[in-house]
């Protein structure tokens, strides 16, 4: 009789744990995701700085490099002629 009680006790707690996990897991995952989102927002700051820009206006953050080097050793131009 003691073995049967032990097995029923183990099965009861197994299914109770499984049931509670299904109920509480989504809540815990949502809470963890919200916490991670808040940390990311604090770390990177609020990146909505471009809301002040009018529609159609262009913003250039960085000028392109003016030191463009031309590669003259690409090859030589050959003008082909058709042969009849």
PDB file of N, CA and C in Angstrom:
ATOM      1  N   UNK A   1       0.819  -1.196   0.000  1.00  0.00           N
ATOM      2  CA  UNK A   1       0.000   0.000   0.000  1.00  0.00           C
ATOM      3  C   UNK A   1       0.863   1.260   0.000  1.00  0.00           C
ATOM      4  N   UNK A   2       2.012   1.174   0.660  1.00  0.00           N
ATOM      5  CA  UNK A   2       2.918   2.322   0.730  1.00  0.00           C
ATOM      6  C   UNK A   2       3.491   2.668  -0.637  1.00  0.00           C
ATOM      7  N   UNK A   3       3.769   1.636  -1.445  1.00  0.00           N
ATOM      8  CA  UNK A   3       4.309   1.863  -2.788  1.00  0.00           C
ATOM      9  C   UNK A   3       3.268   2.546  -3.667  1.00  0.00           C
ATOM     10  N   UNK A   4       2.011   2.134  -3.541  1.00  0.00           N
ATOM     11  CA  UNK A   4       0.936   2.733  -4.329  1.00  0.00           C
ATOM     12  C   UNK A   4       0.744   4.205  -3.959  1.00  0.00           C
ATOM     13  N   UNK A   5       0.786   4.526  -2.657  1.00  0.00           N
ATOM     14  CA  UNK A   5       0.659   5.917  -2.219  1.00  0.00           C
ATOM     15  C   UNK A   5       1.810   6.759  -2.759  1.00  0.00           C
ATOM     16  N   UNK A   6       3.007   6.196  -2.735  1.00  0.00           N
ATOM     17  CA  UNK A   6       4.178   6.927  -3.225  1.00  0.00           C
ATOM     18  C   UNK A   6       4.058   7.209  -4.716  1.00  0.00           C
ATOM     19  N   UNK A   7       3.644   6.216  -5.485  1.00  0.00           N
ATOM     20  CA  UNK A   7       3.479   6.404  -6.928  1.00  0.00           C
ATOM     21  C   UNK A   7       2.392   7.430  -7.235  1.00  0.00           C
ATOM     22  N   UNK A   8       1.263   7.356  -6.528  1.00  0.00           N
ATOM     23  CA  UNK A   8       0.197   8.334  -6.730  1.00  0.00           C
ATOM     24  C   UNK A   8       0.656   9.737  -6.339  1.00  0.00           C
ATOM     25  N   UNK A   9       1.417   9.832  -5.259  1.00  0.00           N
ATOM     26  CA  UNK A   9       1.959  11.115  -4.812  1.00  0.00           C
ATOM     27  C   UNK A   9       2.885  11.707  -5.877  1.00  0.00           C
ATOM     28  N   UNK A  10       3.762  10.889  -6.435  1.00  0.00           N
ATOM     29  CA  UNK A  10       4.692  11.345  -7.476  1.00  0.00           C
ATOM     30  C   UNK A  10       3.926  11.762  -8.725  1.00  0.00           C
ATOM     31  N   UNK A  11       2.956  10.957  -9.149  1.00  0.00           N
ATOM     32  CA  UNK A  11       2.161  11.292 -10.333  1.00  0.00           C
ATOM     33  C   UNK A  11       1.359  12.579 -10.126  1.00  0.00           C
ATOM     34  N   UNK A  12       0.787  12.738  -8.926  1.00  0.00           N
ATOM     35  CA  UNK A  12       0.018  13.944  -8.641  1.00  0.00           C
ATOM     36  C   UNK A  12       0.896  15.189  -8.757  1.00  0.00           C
ATOM     37  N   UNK A  13       2.069  15.162  -8.137  1.00  0.00           N
ATOM     38  CA  UNK A  13       2.953  16.328  -8.202  1.00  0.00           C
ATOM     39  C   UNK A  13       3.510  16.551  -9.606  1.00  0.00           C
ATOM     40  N   UNK A  14       3.727  15.489 -10.343  1.00  0.00           N
ATOM     41  CA  UNK A  14       4.203  15.634 -11.722  1.00  0.00           C
ATOM     42  C   UNK A  14       3.171  16.375 -12.570  1.00  0.00           C
ATOM     43  N   UNK A  15       1.920  15.922 -12.501  1.00  0.00           N
ATOM     44  CA  UNK A  15       0.877  16.568 -13.303  1.00  0.00           C
ATOM     45  C   UNK A  15       0.534  17.962 -12.777  1.00  0.00           C
ATOM     46  N   UNK A  16       0.604  18.170 -11.477  1.00  0.00           N
ATOM     47  CA  UNK A  16       0.363  19.503 -10.919  1.00  0.00           C
ATOM     48  C   UNK A  16       1.454  20.470 -11.382  1.00  0.00           C
ATOM     49  N   UNK A  17       2.715  20.019 -11.369  1.00  0.00           N
ATOM     50  CA  UNK A  17       3.818  20.850 -11.838  1.00  0.00           C
ATOM     51  C   UNK A  17       3.669  21.158 -13.321  1.00  0.00           C
ATOM     52  N   UNK A  18       3.291  20.152 -14.092  1.00  0.00           N
ATOM     53  CA  UNK A  18       3.100  20.333 -15.534  1.00  0.00           C
ATOM     54  C   UNK A  18       1.977  21.344 -15.803  1.00  0.00           C
ATOM     55  N   UNK A  19       0.888  21.240 -15.074  1.00  0.00           N
ATOM     56  CA  UNK A  19      -0.246  22.145 -15.248  1.00  0.00           C
ATOM     57  C   UNK A  19       0.131  23.576 -14.870  1.00  0.00           C
ATOM     58  N   UNK A  20       0.782  23.734 -13.726  1.00  0.00           N
ATOM     59  CA  UNK A  20       1.179  25.073 -13.283  1.00  0.00           C
ATOM     60  C   UNK A  20       2.215  25.687 -14.222  1.00  0.00           C
ATOM     61  N   UNK A  21       3.078  24.862 -14.779  1.00  0.00           N
ATOM     62  CA  UNK A  21       4.065  25.368 -15.730  1.00  0.00           C
ATOM     63  C   UNK A  21       3.380  25.907 -16.972  1.00  0.00           C
ATOM     64  N   UNK A  22       2.379  25.216 -17.456  1.00  0.00           N
ATOM     65  CA  UNK A  22       1.643  25.692 -18.632  1.00  0.00           C
ATOM     66  C   UNK A  22       0.894  26.984 -18.347  1.00  0.00           C
ATOM     67  N   UNK A  23       0.461  27.168 -17.123  1.00  0.00           N
ATOM     68  CA  UNK A  23      -0.236  28.402 -16.769  1.00  0.00           C
ATOM     69  C   UNK A  23       0.727  29.568 -16.559  1.00  0.00           C
ATOM     70  N   UNK A  24       1.832  29.312 -15.890  1.00  0.00           N
ATOM     71  CA  UNK A  24       2.717  30.396 -15.478  1.00  0.00           C
ATOM     72  C   UNK A  24       3.833  30.703 -16.470  1.00  0.00           C
ATOM     73  N   UNK A  25       4.183  29.773 -17.338  1.00  0.00           N
ATOM     74  CA  UNK A  25       5.300  29.993 -18.265  1.00  0.00           C
ATOM     75  C   UNK A  25       5.066  31.194 -19.184  1.00  0.00           C
ATOM     76  N   UNK A  26       3.902  31.353 -19.807  1.00  0.00           N
ATOM     77  CA  UNK A  26       3.711  32.529 -20.662  1.00  0.00           C
ATOM     78  C   UNK A  26       3.837  33.851 -19.900  1.00  0.00           C
ATOM     79  N   UNK A  27       3.375  33.873 -18.676  1.00  0.00           N
ATOM     80  CA  UNK A  27       3.467  35.089 -17.869  1.00  0.00           C
ATOM     81  C   UNK A  27       4.927  35.403 -17.557  1.00  0.00           C
ATOM     82  N   UNK A  28       5.690  34.370 -17.182  1.00  0.00           N
ATOM     83  CA  UNK A  28       7.102  34.583 -16.865  1.00  0.00           C
ATOM     84  C   UNK A  28       7.900  34.995 -18.094  1.00  0.00           C
ATOM     85  N   UNK A  29       7.611  34.393 -19.234  1.00  0.00           N
ATOM     86  CA  UNK A  29       8.329  34.740 -20.466  1.00  0.00           C
ATOM     87  C   UNK A  29       8.021  36.174 -20.868  1.00  0.00           C
ATOM     88  N   UNK A  30       6.760  36.585 -20.746  1.00  0.00           N
ATOM     89  CA  UNK A  30       6.389  37.961 -21.084  1.00  0.00           C
ATOM     90  C   UNK A  30       7.084  38.951 -20.158  1.00  0.00           C
ATOM     91  N   UNK A  31       7.145  38.627 -18.880  1.00  0.00           N
ATOM     92  CA  UNK A  31       7.801  39.511 -17.927  1.00  0.00           C
ATOM     93  C   UNK A  31       9.297  39.619 -18.228  1.00  0.00           C
ATOM     94  N   UNK A  32       9.927  38.507 -18.573  1.00  0.00           N
ATOM     95  CA  UNK A  32      11.351  38.537 -18.915  1.00  0.00           C
ATOM     96  C   UNK A  32      11.587  39.340 -20.188  1.00  0.00           C
ATOM     97  N   UNK A  33      10.710  39.193 -21.179  1.00  0.00           N
ATOM     98  CA  UNK A  33      10.858  39.944 -22.432  1.00  0.00           C
ATOM     99  C   UNK A  33      10.692  41.442 -22.186  1.00  0.00           C
ATOM    100  N   UNK A  34       9.740  41.821 -21.357  1.00  0.00           N
ATOM    101  CA  UNK A  34       9.557  43.238 -21.029  1.00  0.00           C
ATOM    102  C   UNK A  34      10.783  43.801 -20.314  1.00  0.00           C
ATOM    103  N   UNK A  35      11.348  43.012 -19.400  1.00  0.00           N
ATOM    104  CA  UNK A  35      12.540  43.451 -18.685  1.00  0.00           C
ATOM    105  C   UNK A  35      13.706  43.642 -19.639  1.00  0.00           C
ATOM    106  N   UNK A  36      13.895  42.701 -20.563  1.00  0.00           N
ATOM    107  CA  UNK A  36      14.987  42.815 -21.528  1.00  0.00           C
ATOM    108  C   UNK A  36      14.776  44.013 -22.446  1.00  0.00           C
ATOM    109  N   UNK A  37      13.534  44.276 -22.827  1.00  0.00           N
ATOM    110  CA  UNK A  37      13.244  45.425 -23.685  1.00  0.00           C
ATOM    111  C   UNK A  37      13.561  46.732 -22.956  1.00  0.00           C
ATOM    112  N   UNK A  38      13.211  46.817 -21.695  1.00  0.00           N
ATOM    113  CA  UNK A  38      13.510  48.023 -20.918  1.00  0.00           C
ATOM    114  C   UNK A  38      15.015  48.228 -20.788  1.00  0.00           C
ATOM    115  N   UNK A  39      15.751  47.144 -20.564  1.00  0.00           N
ATOM    116  CA  UNK A  39      17.209  47.254 -20.469  1.00  0.00           C
ATOM    117  C   UNK A  39      17.807  47.733 -21.785  1.00  0.00           C
ATOM    118  N   UNK A  40      17.310  47.201 -22.898  1.00  0.00           N
ATOM    119  CA  UNK A  40      17.827  47.609 -24.205  1.00  0.00           C
ATOM    120  C   UNK A  40      17.523  49.079 -24.466  1.00  0.00           C
ATOM    121  N   UNK A  41      16.344  49.531 -24.103  1.00  0.00           N
ATOM    122  CA  UNK A  41      15.993  50.939 -24.286  1.00  0.00           C
ATOM    123  C   UNK A  41      16.879  51.837 -23.434  1.00  0.00           C
ATOM    124  N   UNK A  42      17.191  51.410 -22.219  1.00  0.00           N
ATOM    125  CA  UNK A  42      18.061  52.206 -21.361  1.00  0.00           C
ATOM    126  C   UNK A  42      19.486  52.222 -21.902  1.00  0.00           C
ATOM    127  N   UNK A  43      19.937  51.089 -22.407  1.00  0.00           N
ATOM    128  CA  UNK A  43      21.310  50.991 -22.879  1.00  0.00           C
ATOM    129  C   UNK A  43      21.517  51.803 -24.149  1.00  0.00           C
ATOM    130  N   UNK A  44      20.620  51.699 -25.092  1.00  0.00           N
ATOM    131  CA  UNK A  44      20.787  52.358 -26.377  1.00  0.00           C
ATOM    132  C   UNK A  44      20.090  53.707 -26.449  1.00  0.00           C
ATOM    133  N   UNK A  45      19.321  54.020 -25.482  1.00  0.00           N
ATOM    134  CA  UNK A  45      18.602  55.290 -25.490  1.00  0.00           C
ATOM    135  C   UNK A  45      17.427  55.224 -26.436  1.00  0.00           C
ATOM    136  N   UNK A  46      16.676  56.268 -26.430  1.00  0.00           N
ATOM    137  CA  UNK A  46      15.518  56.334 -27.311  1.00  0.00           C
ATOM    138  C   UNK A  46      15.993  56.847 -28.659  1.00  0.00           C
ATOM    139  N   UNK A  47      15.899  56.057 -29.698  1.00  0.00           N
ATOM    140  CA  UNK A  47      16.459  56.405 -31.010  1.00  0.00           C
ATOM    141  C   UNK A  47      15.447  57.086 -31.909  1.00  0.00           C
ATOM    142  N   UNK A  48      14.467  57.734 -31.346  1.00  0.00           N
ATOM    143  CA  UNK A  48      13.467  58.435 -32.146  1.00  0.00           C
ATOM    144  C   UNK A  48      13.862  59.893 -32.338  1.00  0.00           C
ATOM    145  N   UNK A  49      15.120  60.155 -32.676  1.00  0.00           N
ATOM    146  CA  UNK A  49      15.602  61.522 -32.860  1.00  0.00           C
ATOM    147  C   UNK A  49      15.165  62.099 -34.192  1.00  0.00           C
ATOM    148  N   UNK A  50      14.770  61.285 -35.126  1.00  0.00           N
ATOM    149  CA  UNK A  50      14.432  61.744 -36.458  1.00  0.00           C
ATOM    150  C   UNK A  50      12.969  62.154 -36.582  1.00  0.00           C
ATOM    151  N   UNK A  51      12.260  62.213 -35.490  1.00  0.00           N
ATOM    152  CA  UNK A  51      10.860  62.623 -35.547  1.00  0.00           C
ATOM    153  C   UNK A  51      10.725  64.120 -35.812  1.00  0.00           C
ATOM    154  N   UNK A  52      11.776  64.899 -35.586  1.00  0.00           N
ATOM    155  CA  UNK A  52      11.731  66.341 -35.785  1.00  0.00           C
ATOM    156  C   UNK A  52      11.863  66.709 -37.249  1.00  0.00           C
ATOM    157  N   UNK A  53      12.218  65.777 -38.095  1.00  0.00           N
ATOM    158  CA  UNK A  53      12.488  66.043 -39.503  1.00  0.00           C
ATOM    159  C   UNK A  53      11.173  66.119 -40.263  1.00  0.00           C
ATOM    160  N   UNK A  54      11.079  67.114 -41.139  1.00  0.00           N
ATOM    161  CA  UNK A  54       9.887  67.240 -41.969  1.00  0.00           C
ATOM    162  C   UNK A  54       9.883  66.145 -43.024  1.00  0.00           C
ATOM    163  N   UNK A  55       8.710  65.812 -43.490  1.00  0.00           N
ATOM    164  CA  UNK A  55       8.590  64.771 -44.504  1.00  0.00           C
ATOM    165  C   UNK A  55       9.232  65.242 -45.803  1.00  0.00           C
ATOM    166  N   UNK A  56      10.050  64.401 -46.381  1.00  0.00           N
ATOM    167  CA  UNK A  56      10.725  64.730 -47.625  1.00  0.00           C
ATOM    168  C   UNK A  56      12.088  65.365 -47.428  1.00  0.00           C
ATOM    169  N   UNK A  57      12.428  65.724 -46.200  1.00  0.00           N
ATOM    170  CA  UNK A  57      13.727  66.336 -45.929  1.00  0.00           C
ATOM    171  C   UNK A  57      14.779  65.237 -45.804  1.00  0.00           C
ATOM    172  N   UNK A  58      15.965  65.511 -46.329  1.00  0.00           N
ATOM    173  CA  UNK A  58      17.040  64.532 -46.308  1.00  0.00           C
ATOM    174  C   UNK A  58      18.060  64.914 -45.246  1.00  0.00           C
ATOM    175  N   UNK A  59      18.483  63.935 -44.475  1.00  0.00           N
ATOM    176  CA  UNK A  59      19.486  64.164 -43.444  1.00  0.00           C
ATOM    177  C   UNK A  59      20.726  63.368 -43.818  1.00  0.00           C
ATOM    178  N   UNK A  60      21.879  64.044 -43.822  1.00  0.00           N
ATOM    179  CA  UNK A  60      23.142  63.371 -44.091  1.00  0.00           C
ATOM    180  C   UNK A  60      23.960  63.439 -42.810  1.00  0.00           C
ATOM    181  N   UNK A  61      24.241  62.283 -42.232  1.00  0.00           N
ATOM    182  CA  UNK A  61      24.982  62.237 -40.983  1.00  0.00           C
ATOM    183  C   UNK A  61      26.484  62.342 -41.198  1.00  0.00           C
ATOM    184  N   UNK A  62      26.983  61.834 -42.311  1.00  0.00           N
ATOM    185  CA  UNK A  62      28.415  61.772 -42.537  1.00  0.00           C
ATOM    186  C   UNK A  62      28.713  62.122 -43.979  1.00  0.00           C
ATOM    187  N   UNK A  63      29.705  62.973 -44.176  1.00  0.00           N
ATOM    188  CA  UNK A  63      30.105  63.311 -45.531  1.00  0.00           C
ATOM    189  C   UNK A  63      30.925  62.159 -46.104  1.00  0.00           C
ATOM    190  N   UNK A  64      30.773  61.886 -47.383  1.00  0.00           N
ATOM    191  CA  UNK A  64      31.594  60.830 -47.980  1.00  0.00           C
ATOM    192  C   UNK A  64      33.049  61.278 -48.077  1.00  0.00           C
ATOM    193  N   UNK A  65      33.942  60.319 -48.115  1.00  0.00           N
ATOM    194  CA  UNK A  65      35.366  60.632 -48.223  1.00  0.00           C
ATOM    195  C   UNK A  65      35.653  61.299 -49.558  1.00  0.00           C
ATOM    196  N   UNK A  66      36.474  62.343 -49.515  1.00  0.00           N
ATOM    197  CA  UNK A  66      36.850  63.059 -50.732  1.00  0.00           C
ATOM    198  C   UNK A  66      38.103  62.461 -51.367  1.00  0.00           C
ATOM    199  N   UNK A  67      38.737  61.529 -50.700  1.00  0.00           N
ATOM    200  CA  UNK A  67      39.978  60.938 -51.189  1.00  0.00           C
ATOM    201  C   UNK A  67      39.694  59.711 -52.050  1.00  0.00           C
ATOM    202  N   UNK A  68      38.970  59.888 -53.111  1.00  0.00           N
ATOM    203  CA  UNK A  68      38.694  58.766 -54.006  1.00  0.00           C
ATOM    204  C   UNK A  68      39.873  58.602 -54.947  1.00  0.00           C
ATOM    205  N   UNK A  69      40.416  57.433 -54.937  1.00  0.00           N
ATOM    206  CA  UNK A  69      41.569  57.156 -55.789  1.00  0.00           C
ATOM    207  C   UNK A  69      41.081  56.482 -57.067  1.00  0.00           C
ATOM    208  N   UNK A  70      41.541  56.978 -58.189  1.00  0.00           N
ATOM    209  CA  UNK A  70      41.188  56.342 -59.455  1.00  0.00           C
ATOM    210  C   UNK A  70      42.257  55.326 -59.789  1.00  0.00           C
ATOM    211  N   UNK A  71      41.827  54.210 -60.258  1.00  0.00           N
ATOM    212  CA  UNK A  71      42.755  53.138 -60.594  1.00  0.00           C
ATOM    213  C   UNK A  71      43.005  53.183 -62.097  1.00  0.00           C
ATOM    214  N   UNK A  72      44.117  53.781 -62.505  1.00  0.00           N
ATOM    215  CA  UNK A  72      44.433  53.915 -63.925  1.00  0.00           C
ATOM    216  C   UNK A  72      45.013  52.639 -64.513  1.00  0.00           C
ATOM    217  N   UNK A  73      45.322  51.682 -63.703  1.00  0.00           N
ATOM    218  CA  UNK A  73      45.913  50.452 -64.219  1.00  0.00           C
ATOM    219  C   UNK A  73      44.848  49.392 -64.498  1.00  0.00           C
ATOM    220  N   UNK A  74      43.654  49.828 -64.811  1.00  0.00           N
ATOM    221  CA  UNK A  74      42.565  48.899 -65.072  1.00  0.00           C
ATOM    222  C   UNK A  74      42.826  48.135 -66.356  1.00  0.00           C
ATOM    223  N   UNK A  75      43.377  48.788 -67.331  1.00  0.00           N
ATOM    224  CA  UNK A  75      43.653  48.146 -68.609  1.00  0.00           C
ATOM    225  C   UNK A  75      43.616  49.184 -69.701  1.00  0.00           C
ATOM    226  N   UNK A  76      43.849  48.747 -70.906  1.00  0.00           N
ATOM    227  CA  UNK A  76      43.852  49.714 -71.994  1.00  0.00           C
ATOM    228  C   UNK A  76      42.642  49.479 -72.875  1.00  0.00           C
ATOM    229  N   UNK A  77      42.162  50.536 -73.472  1.00  0.00           N
ATOM    230  CA  UNK A  77      40.978  50.483 -74.318  1.00  0.00           C
ATOM    231  C   UNK A  77      41.386  50.010 -75.703  1.00  0.00           C
ATOM    232  N   UNK A  78      40.672  49.010 -76.199  1.00  0.00           N
ATOM    233  CA  UNK A  78      40.956  48.483 -77.535  1.00  0.00           C
ATOM    234  C   UNK A  78      39.729  48.710 -78.395  1.00  0.00           C
ATOM    235  N   UNK A  79      39.923  49.363 -79.545  1.00  0.00           N
ATOM    236  CA  UNK A  79      38.841  49.622 -80.481  1.00  0.00           C
ATOM    237  C   UNK A  79      38.872  48.533 -81.548  1.00  0.00           C
ATOM    238  N   UNK A  80      37.891  47.647 -81.514  1.00  0.00           N
ATOM    239  CA  UNK A  80      37.847  46.539 -82.468  1.00  0.00           C
ATOM    240  C   UNK A  80      37.155  46.977 -83.748  1.00  0.00           C
ATOM    241  N   UNK A  81      37.617  46.456 -84.850  1.00  0.00           N
ATOM    242  CA  UNK A  81      37.000  46.720 -86.153  1.00  0.00           C
ATOM    243  C   UNK A  81      36.468  45.410 -86.706  1.00  0.00           C
ATOM    244  N   UNK A  82      35.351  45.515 -87.432  1.00  0.00           N
ATOM    245  CA  UNK A  82      34.783  44.319 -88.053  1.00  0.00           C
ATOM    246  C   UNK A  82      35.567  43.956 -89.301  1.00  0.00           C
ATOM    247  N   UNK A  83      35.759  42.670 -89.489  1.00  0.00           N
ATOM    248  CA  UNK A  83      36.436  42.178 -90.694  1.00  0.00           C
ATOM    249  C   UNK A  83      35.394  41.487 -91.549  1.00  0.00           C
ATOM    250  N   UNK A  84      35.347  41.862 -92.851  1.00  0.00           N
ATOM    251  CA  UNK A  84      34.367  41.254 -93.759  1.00  0.00           C
ATOM    252  C   UNK A  84      34.836  39.939 -94.291  1.00  0.00           C
TER     253      UNK A  84
END
